[in-house]
Amino acid sequence: MPEAIKWKSKVLLVKIESAYGTDPTPTGAADAILATNVTLQPMEGEDVSRELERPYLGGQEMIPAGLRSVLTFSTELAGSGTAGEAPGWGVLARACALAETIEDAVSVTYSPISLAMESAAVYFWIGATKHVLLGARGTAEITLDAQGIPRIAWTITGLWTLPAESAAATPDLTSFLEPLIATKANTPAFTVNAVSLVLRSYKLTLGNDVQPRLLVGREEIIIPDRAEQLVCNVEAVPLTTLNPFALAQARTRVAVSIVHGTAAGNIVTIAAPTCQVKRMTGYEQNQNILEWPLPLAPLPDEGNDQFSIVLT
């Protein structure tokens, strides 16, 4: 009897495709991802009934259709350690309709795009069972919670291929730095409308609408739309300092910015310069301190400028 497959025996590789759906052959030396909380839906799709008319009772044969695979996992939010060098998770950002702009020895910037979106090939082993997702695209959610590890939660959807047995790659994970806990020292700046606030939690959802488009002559995972959302739980301040109710009523656009990290090569700045403040539907309290769950919608101004992630 074969040995049982260990749940922890997972290896994940991701590489950008040069042509959609064409395998660029990721390798463990260059394309490994350091992930947490990995789950795989290996054979998503629909079951099409044959609906046969027969002179007896019984179930119908089902034919699987619309097949794709969905992989969810998280990575830690950290830079590469070198200014102007992409982080290990940068390939995932590119597969989530973000452009990567590198200024050598200075910065790496990720910002939304609406056309010419890239796609990725994903290799995922559990034991010796290898799953390959081609033409993969996805969406993500960035969270920074006080006294927690900042993370990016990814949901990646790819075209389905038949799993096979193959020796797993040996991953090189050195491009992933140890993360910094979100603290007053490590997260030195957070502002809403140029007002510094005390932050409990920050969550930016990319809101990519990821859909399989499986037609005769074209099979593709597409992102036809997006709608970002931002929620910041902060200590309440006097309305003379910041009035979220007036801002929401007037539909005033405000800038929201957070900086995490202090050492060159590991400073992450997330800026959303034109957020609409949405209705706050309830107060919260923690340790008998009033807190606001501020809901915001990052909106485009001239287009593809509703937020940016800059690593310096």
C-alpha atoms as a PDB file:
ATOM      1  CA  MET A   1       0.000   0.000   0.000  1.00  0.00           C
ATOM      2  CA  PRO A   2       1.461   3.427  -0.939  1.00  0.00           C
ATOM      3  CA  GLU A   3       2.427   5.876   1.766  1.00  0.00           C
ATOM      4  CA  ALA A   4      -0.207   8.462   2.691  1.00  0.00           C
ATOM      5  CA  ILE A   5       0.273  11.925   1.144  1.00  0.00           C
ATOM      6  CA  LYS A   6       1.185  14.519   3.747  1.00  0.00           C
ATOM      7  CA  TRP A   7      -0.975  17.661   3.670  1.00  0.00           C
ATOM      8  CA  LYS A   8       2.077  19.855   4.295  1.00  0.00           C
ATOM      9  CA  SER A   9       3.944  18.471   1.275  1.00  0.00           C
ATOM     10  CA  LYS A  10       2.946  21.428  -0.910  1.00  0.00           C
ATOM     11  CA  VAL A  11       5.067  23.315  -3.454  1.00  0.00           C
ATOM     12  CA  LEU A  12       3.808  26.351  -5.390  1.00  0.00           C
ATOM     13  CA  LEU A  13       5.429  27.904  -8.461  1.00  0.00           C
ATOM     14  CA  VAL A  14       4.085  30.824 -10.516  1.00  0.00           C
ATOM     15  CA  LYS A  15       5.481  32.363 -13.715  1.00  0.00           C
ATOM     16  CA  ILE A  16       4.112  34.966 -16.129  1.00  0.00           C
ATOM     17  CA  GLU A  17       3.126  33.605 -19.550  1.00  0.00           C
ATOM     18  CA  SER A  18       4.553  35.237 -22.661  1.00  0.00           C
ATOM     19  CA  ALA A  19       1.536  34.012 -24.665  1.00  0.00           C
ATOM     20  CA  TYR A  20      -1.841  33.363 -23.073  1.00  0.00           C
ATOM     21  CA  GLY A  21      -2.315  29.765 -21.983  1.00  0.00           C
ATOM     22  CA  THR A  22       1.172  28.699 -23.119  1.00  0.00           C
ATOM     23  CA  ASP A  23       3.185  27.028 -20.374  1.00  0.00           C
ATOM     24  CA  PRO A  24       6.408  28.995 -19.633  1.00  0.00           C
ATOM     25  CA  THR A  25       7.649  26.132 -17.405  1.00  0.00           C
ATOM     26  CA  PRO A  26       8.109  27.617 -13.925  1.00  0.00           C
ATOM     27  CA  THR A  27      11.109  26.363 -11.952  1.00  0.00           C
ATOM     28  CA  GLY A  28      11.762  25.981  -8.260  1.00  0.00           C
ATOM     29  CA  ALA A  29      14.917  28.070  -8.519  1.00  0.00           C
ATOM     30  CA  ALA A  30      13.210  31.211  -9.829  1.00  0.00           C
ATOM     31  CA  ASP A  31       9.440  31.026  -9.441  1.00  0.00           C
ATOM     32  CA  ALA A  32       8.641  29.584  -5.998  1.00  0.00           C
ATOM     33  CA  ILE A  33       6.019  31.235  -3.799  1.00  0.00           C
ATOM     34  CA  LEU A  34       6.118  31.223   0.013  1.00  0.00           C
ATOM     35  CA  ALA A  35       2.433  30.783   0.834  1.00  0.00           C
ATOM     36  CA  THR A  36       0.165  30.211   3.813  1.00  0.00           C
ATOM     37  CA  ASN A  37      -3.417  28.951   4.143  1.00  0.00           C
ATOM     38  CA  VAL A  38      -3.395  27.167   0.781  1.00  0.00           C
ATOM     39  CA  THR A  39      -6.599  25.607  -0.553  1.00  0.00           C
ATOM     40  CA  LEU A  40      -7.294  24.206  -3.995  1.00  0.00           C
ATOM     41  CA  GLN A  41     -10.564  23.613  -5.787  1.00  0.00           C
ATOM     42  CA  PRO A  42      -9.028  21.317  -8.391  1.00  0.00           C
ATOM     43  CA  MET A  43     -11.970  20.735 -10.730  1.00  0.00           C
ATOM     44  CA  GLU A  44     -14.491  23.562 -10.586  1.00  0.00           C
ATOM     45  CA  GLY A  45     -17.165  23.589 -13.256  1.00  0.00           C
ATOM     46  CA  GLU A  46     -20.654  22.438 -14.079  1.00  0.00           C
ATOM     47  CA  ASP A  47     -22.235  19.029 -14.592  1.00  0.00           C
ATOM     48  CA  VAL A  48     -24.350  18.833 -17.748  1.00  0.00           C
ATOM     49  CA  SER A  49     -27.068  16.177 -17.662  1.00  0.00           C
ATOM     50  CA  ARG A  50     -27.670  14.160 -20.831  1.00  0.00           C
ATOM     51  CA  GLU A  51     -31.446  14.225 -20.089  1.00  0.00           C
ATOM     52  CA  LEU A  52     -32.035  10.892 -21.810  1.00  0.00           C
ATOM     53  CA  GLU A  53     -35.613   9.667 -22.243  1.00  0.00           C
ATOM     54  CA  ARG A  54     -35.646   6.039 -21.141  1.00  0.00           C
ATOM     55  CA  PRO A  55     -38.459   3.565 -20.355  1.00  0.00           C
ATOM     56  CA  TYR A  56     -37.225   3.064 -16.799  1.00  0.00           C
ATOM     57  CA  LEU A  57     -36.284   5.113 -13.750  1.00  0.00           C
ATOM     58  CA  GLY A  58     -32.738   6.031 -12.789  1.00  0.00           C
ATOM     59  CA  GLY A  59     -30.155   8.765 -12.609  1.00  0.00           C
ATOM     60  CA  GLN A  60     -28.767  10.606 -15.589  1.00  0.00           C
ATOM     61  CA  GLU A  61     -25.160  10.528 -16.731  1.00  0.00           C
ATOM     62  CA  MET A  62     -23.446  13.869 -16.162  1.00  0.00           C
ATOM     63  CA  ILE A  63     -20.767  15.344 -18.382  1.00  0.00           C
ATOM     64  CA  PRO A  64     -18.297  17.774 -16.708  1.00  0.00           C
ATOM     65  CA  ALA A  65     -18.112  21.153 -18.470  1.00  0.00           C
ATOM     66  CA  GLY A  66     -16.627  24.603 -17.935  1.00  0.00           C
ATOM     67  CA  LEU A  67     -13.656  23.182 -16.078  1.00  0.00           C
ATOM     68  CA  ARG A  68     -11.192  25.411 -14.250  1.00  0.00           C
ATOM     69  CA  SER A  69      -9.143  25.311 -11.044  1.00  0.00           C
ATOM     70  CA  VAL A  70      -9.219  27.849  -8.203  1.00  0.00           C
ATOM     71  CA  LEU A  71      -6.261  28.261  -5.858  1.00  0.00           C
ATOM     72  CA  THR A  72      -6.458  30.444  -2.755  1.00  0.00           C
ATOM     73  CA  PHE A  73      -3.577  31.302  -0.445  1.00  0.00           C
ATOM     74  CA  SER A  74      -1.845  34.185   1.297  1.00  0.00           C
ATOM     75  CA  THR A  75       1.614  35.710   1.155  1.00  0.00           C
ATOM     76  CA  GLU A  76       3.222  38.032   3.664  1.00  0.00           C
ATOM     77  CA  LEU A  77       3.395  41.703   2.687  1.00  0.00           C
ATOM     78  CA  ALA A  78       7.069  42.629   2.531  1.00  0.00           C
ATOM     79  CA  GLY A  79       9.539  44.051   0.051  1.00  0.00           C
ATOM     80  CA  SER A  80      12.425  42.268  -1.627  1.00  0.00           C
ATOM     81  CA  GLY A  81      15.057  43.833   0.614  1.00  0.00           C
ATOM     82  CA  THR A  82      16.546  45.771  -2.307  1.00  0.00           C
ATOM     83  CA  ALA A  83      15.061  49.004  -3.625  1.00  0.00           C
ATOM     84  CA  GLY A  84      14.070  48.640  -7.263  1.00  0.00           C
ATOM     85  CA  GLU A  85      13.863  44.838  -7.093  1.00  0.00           C
ATOM     86  CA  ALA A  86      10.472  43.143  -7.381  1.00  0.00           C
ATOM     87  CA  PRO A  87       9.234  41.175  -4.359  1.00  0.00           C
ATOM     88  CA  GLY A  88       8.558  37.456  -4.535  1.00  0.00           C
ATOM     89  CA  TRP A  89       4.806  38.090  -4.720  1.00  0.00           C
ATOM     90  CA  GLY A  90       5.150  40.548  -7.613  1.00  0.00           C
ATOM     91  CA  VAL A  91       4.311  37.884 -10.204  1.00  0.00           C
ATOM     92  CA  LEU A  92       0.969  37.367  -8.459  1.00  0.00           C
ATOM     93  CA  ALA A  93       0.182  41.091  -8.565  1.00  0.00           C
ATOM     94  CA  ARG A  94       0.840  41.045 -12.316  1.00  0.00           C
ATOM     95  CA  ALA A  95      -1.597  38.144 -12.711  1.00  0.00           C
ATOM     96  CA  CYS A  96      -4.211  40.247 -10.880  1.00  0.00           C
ATOM     97  CA  ALA A  97      -4.332  43.021 -13.505  1.00  0.00           C
ATOM     98  CA  LEU A  98      -1.633  45.208 -11.948  1.00  0.00           C
ATOM     99  CA  ALA A  99       1.186  46.708 -13.970  1.00  0.00           C
ATOM    100  CA  GLU A 100       4.699  46.389 -12.563  1.00  0.00           C
ATOM    101  CA  THR A 101       6.887  49.472 -13.060  1.00  0.00           C
ATOM    102  CA  ILE A 102      10.498  49.202 -11.929  1.00  0.00           C
ATOM    103  CA  GLU A 103      12.787  52.183 -11.395  1.00  0.00           C
ATOM    104  CA  ASP A 104      16.201  50.664 -11.011  1.00  0.00           C
ATOM    105  CA  ALA A 105      17.619  50.924  -7.480  1.00  0.00           C
ATOM    106  CA  VAL A 106      14.706  53.194  -6.482  1.00  0.00           C
ATOM    107  CA  SER A 107      11.244  51.627  -6.482  1.00  0.00           C
ATOM    108  CA  VAL A 108       8.786  49.035  -7.742  1.00  0.00           C
ATOM    109  CA  THR A 109       5.210  50.211  -8.323  1.00  0.00           C
ATOM    110  CA  TYR A 110       2.053  48.174  -8.852  1.00  0.00           C
ATOM    111  CA  SER A 111      -0.977  49.962 -10.292  1.00  0.00           C
ATOM    112  CA  PRO A 112      -4.227  48.906 -11.991  1.00  0.00           C
ATOM    113  CA  ILE A 113      -4.510  48.341 -15.731  1.00  0.00           C
ATOM    114  CA  SER A 114      -7.621  47.906 -17.873  1.00  0.00           C
ATOM    115  CA  LEU A 115      -6.045  46.482 -21.049  1.00  0.00           C
ATOM    116  CA  ALA A 116      -3.217  44.082 -21.949  1.00  0.00           C
ATOM    117  CA  MET A 117      -3.596  42.144 -18.691  1.00  0.00           C
ATOM    118  CA  GLU A 118      -0.974  39.497 -18.074  1.00  0.00           C
ATOM    119  CA  SER A 119      -1.611  35.866 -17.172  1.00  0.00           C
ATOM    120  CA  ALA A 120       0.397  33.270 -15.319  1.00  0.00           C
ATOM    121  CA  ALA A 121       1.089  29.554 -15.234  1.00  0.00           C
ATOM    122  CA  VAL A 122       0.777  27.916 -11.821  1.00  0.00           C
ATOM    123  CA  TYR A 123       2.347  24.625 -10.778  1.00  0.00           C
ATOM    124  CA  PHE A 124       0.997  23.242  -7.523  1.00  0.00           C
ATOM    125  CA  TRP A 125       2.180  19.992  -5.995  1.00  0.00           C
ATOM    126  CA  ILE A 126       0.762  18.191  -3.036  1.00  0.00           C
ATOM    127  CA  GLY A 127       2.958  15.180  -2.558  1.00  0.00           C
ATOM    128  CA  ALA A 128       3.775  14.034  -6.081  1.00  0.00           C
ATOM    129  CA  THR A 129       0.394  15.069  -7.467  1.00  0.00           C
ATOM    130  CA  LYS A 130       0.996  17.998  -9.801  1.00  0.00           C
ATOM    131  CA  HIS A 131      -1.762  20.436 -10.728  1.00  0.00           C
ATOM    132  CA  VAL A 132      -1.104  22.874 -13.592  1.00  0.00           C
ATOM    133  CA  LEU A 133      -3.230  26.015 -14.011  1.00  0.00           C
ATOM    134  CA  LEU A 134      -2.657  27.838 -17.280  1.00  0.00           C
ATOM    135  CA  GLY A 135      -3.932  31.268 -18.308  1.00  0.00           C
ATOM    136  CA  ALA A 136      -4.366  32.077 -14.625  1.00  0.00           C
ATOM    137  CA  ARG A 137      -5.669  35.431 -13.415  1.00  0.00           C
ATOM    138  CA  GLY A 138      -7.063  36.504 -10.082  1.00  0.00           C
ATOM    139  CA  THR A 139      -7.880  39.005  -7.411  1.00  0.00           C
ATOM    140  CA  ALA A 140      -6.464  39.872  -4.004  1.00  0.00           C
ATOM    141  CA  GLU A 141      -7.098  41.447  -0.621  1.00  0.00           C
ATOM    142  CA  ILE A 142      -4.440  43.300   1.390  1.00  0.00           C
ATOM    143  CA  THR A 143      -4.814  43.392   5.169  1.00  0.00           C
ATOM    144  CA  LEU A 144      -2.808  45.129   7.877  1.00  0.00           C
ATOM    145  CA  ASP A 145      -4.032  44.482  11.410  1.00  0.00           C
ATOM    146  CA  ALA A 146      -2.393  46.047  14.448  1.00  0.00           C
ATOM    147  CA  GLN A 147      -0.011  43.557  16.101  1.00  0.00           C
ATOM    148  CA  GLY A 148      -0.445  41.146  13.178  1.00  0.00           C
ATOM    149  CA  ILE A 149       1.495  40.116  10.096  1.00  0.00           C
ATOM    150  CA  PRO A 150       0.385  42.124   7.036  1.00  0.00           C
ATOM    151  CA  ARG A 151      -0.775  39.738   4.331  1.00  0.00           C
ATOM    152  CA  ILE A 152      -2.087  39.557   0.798  1.00  0.00           C
ATOM    153  CA  ALA A 153      -4.812  36.950   0.253  1.00  0.00           C
ATOM    154  CA  TRP A 154      -4.892  35.754  -3.359  1.00  0.00           C
ATOM    155  CA  THR A 155      -7.610  33.938  -5.290  1.00  0.00           C
ATOM    156  CA  ILE A 156      -6.207  32.639  -8.581  1.00  0.00           C
ATOM    157  CA  THR A 157      -8.337  30.975 -11.271  1.00  0.00           C
ATOM    158  CA  GLY A 158      -6.776  29.052 -14.152  1.00  0.00           C
ATOM    159  CA  LEU A 159      -7.720  26.812 -17.023  1.00  0.00           C
ATOM    160  CA  TRP A 160      -8.006  23.185 -15.966  1.00  0.00           C
ATOM    161  CA  THR A 161      -5.534  20.490 -16.966  1.00  0.00           C
ATOM    162  CA  LEU A 162      -5.496  16.857 -15.933  1.00  0.00           C
ATOM    163  CA  PRO A 163      -3.375  16.357 -12.777  1.00  0.00           C
ATOM    164  CA  ALA A 164      -0.482  13.943 -13.032  1.00  0.00           C
ATOM    165  CA  GLU A 165       2.182  12.349 -10.866  1.00  0.00           C
ATOM    166  CA  SER A 166       5.529  14.134 -11.016  1.00  0.00           C
ATOM    167  CA  ALA A 167       8.414  14.706  -8.640  1.00  0.00           C
ATOM    168  CA  ALA A 168       7.938  18.044  -6.903  1.00  0.00           C
ATOM    169  CA  ALA A 169      10.324  20.920  -7.590  1.00  0.00           C
ATOM    170  CA  THR A 170      12.712  22.086  -4.887  1.00  0.00           C
ATOM    171  CA  PRO A 171      11.627  25.657  -4.087  1.00  0.00           C
ATOM    172  CA  ASP A 172      14.046  28.534  -3.500  1.00  0.00           C
ATOM    173  CA  LEU A 173      12.187  30.919  -1.177  1.00  0.00           C
ATOM    174  CA  THR A 174      15.002  33.360  -0.436  1.00  0.00           C
ATOM    175  CA  SER A 175      13.235  36.219  -2.258  1.00  0.00           C
ATOM    176  CA  PHE A 176      10.631  36.351   0.527  1.00  0.00           C
ATOM    177  CA  LEU A 177      11.724  38.480   3.475  1.00  0.00           C
ATOM    178  CA  GLU A 178      10.642  37.937   7.056  1.00  0.00           C
ATOM    179  CA  PRO A 179       7.620  40.243   7.605  1.00  0.00           C
ATOM    180  CA  LEU A 180       7.284  43.091  10.067  1.00  0.00           C
ATOM    181  CA  ILE A 181       4.421  43.146  12.562  1.00  0.00           C
ATOM    182  CA  ALA A 182       2.119  46.149  12.083  1.00  0.00           C
ATOM    183  CA  THR A 183       3.002  48.463  14.988  1.00  0.00           C
ATOM    184  CA  LYS A 184       3.491  52.141  15.705  1.00  0.00           C
ATOM    185  CA  ALA A 185       7.199  51.772  14.902  1.00  0.00           C
ATOM    186  CA  ASN A 186       6.893  49.506  11.856  1.00  0.00           C
ATOM    187  CA  THR A 187       3.884  51.261  10.309  1.00  0.00           C
ATOM    188  CA  PRO A 188       4.876  54.896  10.720  1.00  0.00           C
ATOM    189  CA  ALA A 189       2.166  56.661   8.717  1.00  0.00           C
ATOM    190  CA  PHE A 190      -1.565  56.307   8.147  1.00  0.00           C
ATOM    191  CA  THR A 191      -3.714  59.226   6.999  1.00  0.00           C
ATOM    192  CA  VAL A 192      -7.233  59.876   5.748  1.00  0.00           C
ATOM    193  CA  ASN A 193      -7.770  63.248   4.065  1.00  0.00           C
ATOM    194  CA  ALA A 194      -4.307  64.262   5.340  1.00  0.00           C
ATOM    195  CA  VAL A 195      -5.387  63.570   8.959  1.00  0.00           C
ATOM    196  CA  SER A 196      -3.259  61.117  10.925  1.00  0.00           C
ATOM    197  CA  LEU A 197      -5.433  58.506  12.626  1.00  0.00           C
ATOM    198  CA  VAL A 198      -4.893  55.612  15.014  1.00  0.00           C
ATOM    199  CA  LEU A 199      -5.472  52.426  13.033  1.00  0.00           C
ATOM    200  CA  ARG A 200      -6.733  49.055  14.191  1.00  0.00           C
ATOM    201  CA  SER A 201      -7.174  47.359  10.813  1.00  0.00           C
ATOM    202  CA  TYR A 202      -6.837  48.124   7.111  1.00  0.00           C
ATOM    203  CA  LYS A 203      -8.285  46.061   4.279  1.00  0.00           C
ATOM    204  CA  LEU A 204      -7.951  46.893   0.574  1.00  0.00           C
ATOM    205  CA  THR A 205      -9.918  44.571  -1.707  1.00  0.00           C
ATOM    206  CA  LEU A 206      -8.948  44.694  -5.387  1.00  0.00           C
ATOM    207  CA  GLY A 207     -12.406  43.516  -6.387  1.00  0.00           C
ATOM    208  CA  ASN A 208     -11.413  41.982  -9.718  1.00  0.00           C
ATOM    209  CA  ASP A 209     -14.373  40.261 -11.394  1.00  0.00           C
ATOM    210  CA  VAL A 210     -12.673  37.017 -12.444  1.00  0.00           C
ATOM    211  CA  GLN A 211     -14.707  34.941 -14.889  1.00  0.00           C
ATOM    212  CA  PRO A 212     -14.119  31.874 -17.055  1.00  0.00           C
ATOM    213  CA  ARG A 213     -14.931  32.613 -20.712  1.00  0.00           C
ATOM    214  CA  LEU A 214     -15.006  29.184 -22.288  1.00  0.00           C
ATOM    215  CA  LEU A 215     -16.226  29.353 -25.877  1.00  0.00           C
ATOM    216  CA  VAL A 216     -15.651  27.434 -29.083  1.00  0.00           C
ATOM    217  CA  GLY A 217     -12.456  28.978 -30.448  1.00  0.00           C
ATOM    218  CA  ARG A 218     -11.529  30.767 -27.200  1.00  0.00           C
ATOM    219  CA  GLU A 219     -10.999  29.543 -23.668  1.00  0.00           C
ATOM    220  CA  GLU A 220      -9.748  32.193 -21.274  1.00  0.00           C
ATOM    221  CA  ILE A 221      -9.946  33.450 -17.713  1.00  0.00           C
ATOM    222  CA  ILE A 222     -10.908  37.120 -17.991  1.00  0.00           C
ATOM    223  CA  ILE A 223     -11.230  40.168 -15.744  1.00  0.00           C
ATOM    224  CA  PRO A 224     -13.982  42.252 -17.378  1.00  0.00           C
ATOM    225  CA  ASP A 225     -14.389  44.675 -14.476  1.00  0.00           C
ATOM    226  CA  ARG A 226     -13.188  45.642 -11.027  1.00  0.00           C
ATOM    227  CA  ALA A 227     -14.521  47.570  -8.036  1.00  0.00           C
ATOM    228  CA  GLU A 228     -12.048  48.225  -5.238  1.00  0.00           C
ATOM    229  CA  GLN A 229     -13.180  48.552  -1.641  1.00  0.00           C
ATOM    230  CA  LEU A 230     -11.271  49.864   1.368  1.00  0.00           C
ATOM    231  CA  VAL A 231     -12.280  49.536   5.020  1.00  0.00           C
ATOM    232  CA  CYS A 232     -10.236  51.145   7.800  1.00  0.00           C
ATOM    233  CA  ASN A 233     -11.095  50.657  11.460  1.00  0.00           C
ATOM    234  CA  VAL A 234      -9.767  53.695  13.331  1.00  0.00           C
ATOM    235  CA  GLU A 235     -10.110  55.434  16.673  1.00  0.00           C
ATOM    236  CA  ALA A 236     -12.839  58.070  16.419  1.00  0.00           C
ATOM    237  CA  VAL A 237     -11.766  61.721  16.579  1.00  0.00           C
ATOM    238  CA  PRO A 238     -13.776  64.940  17.047  1.00  0.00           C
ATOM    239  CA  LEU A 239     -15.784  65.885  13.974  1.00  0.00           C
ATOM    240  CA  THR A 240     -13.894  69.160  13.869  1.00  0.00           C
ATOM    241  CA  THR A 241     -10.788  67.061  13.092  1.00  0.00           C
ATOM    242  CA  LEU A 242     -12.382  64.694  10.576  1.00  0.00           C
ATOM    243  CA  ASN A 243     -16.088  64.486   9.752  1.00  0.00           C
ATOM    244  CA  PRO A 244     -16.819  61.256   7.839  1.00  0.00           C
ATOM    245  CA  PHE A 245     -20.547  61.976   7.830  1.00  0.00           C
ATOM    246  CA  ALA A 246     -20.163  65.313   6.050  1.00  0.00           C
ATOM    247  CA  LEU A 247     -17.638  63.832   3.658  1.00  0.00           C
ATOM    248  CA  ALA A 248     -20.008  60.978   2.806  1.00  0.00           C
ATOM    249  CA  GLN A 249     -22.983  63.310   2.320  1.00  0.00           C
ATOM    250  CA  ALA A 250     -20.996  65.615   0.037  1.00  0.00           C
ATOM    251  CA  ARG A 251     -19.361  62.671  -1.795  1.00  0.00           C
ATOM    252  CA  THR A 252     -16.026  64.362  -1.206  1.00  0.00           C
ATOM    253  CA  ARG A 253     -12.986  62.564  -2.576  1.00  0.00           C
ATOM    254  CA  VAL A 254     -10.238  62.012  -0.005  1.00  0.00           C
ATOM    255  CA  ALA A 255      -6.746  60.553  -0.068  1.00  0.00           C
ATOM    256  CA  VAL A 256      -5.908  57.506   2.057  1.00  0.00           C
ATOM    257  CA  SER A 257      -2.296  56.476   2.554  1.00  0.00           C
ATOM    258  CA  ILE A 258      -0.494  53.911   4.661  1.00  0.00           C
ATOM    259  CA  VAL A 259       3.253  53.281   4.988  1.00  0.00           C
ATOM    260  CA  HIS A 260       4.573  49.995   6.375  1.00  0.00           C
ATOM    261  CA  GLY A 261       8.264  49.384   6.949  1.00  0.00           C
ATOM    262  CA  THR A 262      11.172  51.708   7.598  1.00  0.00           C
ATOM    263  CA  ALA A 263      14.272  50.136   6.019  1.00  0.00           C
ATOM    264  CA  ALA A 264      15.184  50.736   2.378  1.00  0.00           C
ATOM    265  CA  GLY A 265      14.065  47.831   0.231  1.00  0.00           C
ATOM    266  CA  ASN A 266      11.270  46.951   2.649  1.00  0.00           C
ATOM    267  CA  ILE A 267       9.034  50.034   2.703  1.00  0.00           C
ATOM    268  CA  VAL A 268       5.536  49.493   1.319  1.00  0.00           C
ATOM    269  CA  THR A 269       3.348  52.537   0.620  1.00  0.00           C
ATOM    270  CA  ILE A 270      -0.256  51.982  -0.420  1.00  0.00           C
ATOM    271  CA  ALA A 271      -1.915  55.168  -1.661  1.00  0.00           C
ATOM    272  CA  ALA A 272      -5.524  55.628  -2.756  1.00  0.00           C
ATOM    273  CA  PRO A 273      -5.679  59.324  -3.692  1.00  0.00           C
ATOM    274  CA  THR A 274      -9.340  59.703  -4.707  1.00  0.00           C
ATOM    275  CA  CYS A 275     -11.500  57.665  -2.329  1.00  0.00           C
ATOM    276  CA  GLN A 276     -15.191  58.300  -1.876  1.00  0.00           C
ATOM    277  CA  VAL A 277     -16.183  58.126   1.783  1.00  0.00           C
ATOM    278  CA  LYS A 278     -19.219  55.857   2.040  1.00  0.00           C
ATOM    279  CA  ARG A 279     -21.955  55.797   4.652  1.00  0.00           C
ATOM    280  CA  MET A 280     -20.793  54.573   8.046  1.00  0.00           C
ATOM    281  CA  THR A 281     -23.660  52.407   9.244  1.00  0.00           C
ATOM    282  CA  GLY A 282     -22.586  51.815  12.839  1.00  0.00           C
ATOM    283  CA  TYR A 283     -20.098  52.602  15.552  1.00  0.00           C
ATOM    284  CA  GLU A 284     -17.761  50.051  17.128  1.00  0.00           C
ATOM    285  CA  GLN A 285     -15.941  50.024  20.441  1.00  0.00           C
ATOM    286  CA  ASN A 286     -12.896  48.209  21.695  1.00  0.00           C
ATOM    287  CA  GLN A 287     -11.552  48.439  25.252  1.00  0.00           C
ATOM    288  CA  ASN A 288     -14.278  51.055  25.812  1.00  0.00           C
ATOM    289  CA  ILE A 289     -12.794  53.279  23.091  1.00  0.00           C
ATOM    290  CA  LEU A 290     -15.062  54.483  20.278  1.00  0.00           C
ATOM    291  CA  GLU A 291     -13.926  53.321  16.841  1.00  0.00           C
ATOM    292  CA  TRP A 292     -15.088  54.105  13.316  1.00  0.00           C
ATOM    293  CA  PRO A 293     -15.280  51.392  10.668  1.00  0.00           C
ATOM    294  CA  LEU A 294     -14.634  53.754   7.762  1.00  0.00           C
ATOM    295  CA  PRO A 295     -15.865  52.341   4.416  1.00  0.00           C
ATOM    296  CA  LEU A 296     -14.235  53.887   1.360  1.00  0.00           C
ATOM    297  CA  ALA A 297     -14.301  53.281  -2.383  1.00  0.00           C
ATOM    298  CA  PRO A 298     -11.057  53.999  -4.264  1.00  0.00           C
ATOM    299  CA  LEU A 299     -12.268  55.588  -7.503  1.00  0.00           C
ATOM    300  CA  PRO A 300     -10.352  56.336 -10.702  1.00  0.00           C
ATOM    301  CA  ASP A 301      -9.645  59.975 -11.567  1.00  0.00           C
ATOM    302  CA  GLU A 302      -8.051  59.974 -15.015  1.00  0.00           C
ATOM    303  CA  GLY A 303      -8.166  56.173 -15.160  1.00  0.00           C
ATOM    304  CA  ASN A 304      -6.130  53.316 -13.653  1.00  0.00           C
ATOM    305  CA  ASP A 305      -5.017  55.610 -10.839  1.00  0.00           C
ATOM    306  CA  GLN A 306      -7.375  54.663  -8.015  1.00  0.00           C
ATOM    307  CA  PHE A 307      -4.545  53.144  -5.972  1.00  0.00           C
ATOM    308  CA  SER A 308      -0.883  52.246  -6.126  1.00  0.00           C
ATOM    309  CA  ILE A 309       1.450  49.980  -4.178  1.00  0.00           C
ATOM    310  CA  VAL A 310       4.977  51.384  -4.110  1.00  0.00           C
ATOM    311  CA  LEU A 311       7.953  49.504  -2.686  1.00  0.00           C
ATOM    312  CA  THR A 312      11.072  51.540  -1.901  1.00  0.00           C
END
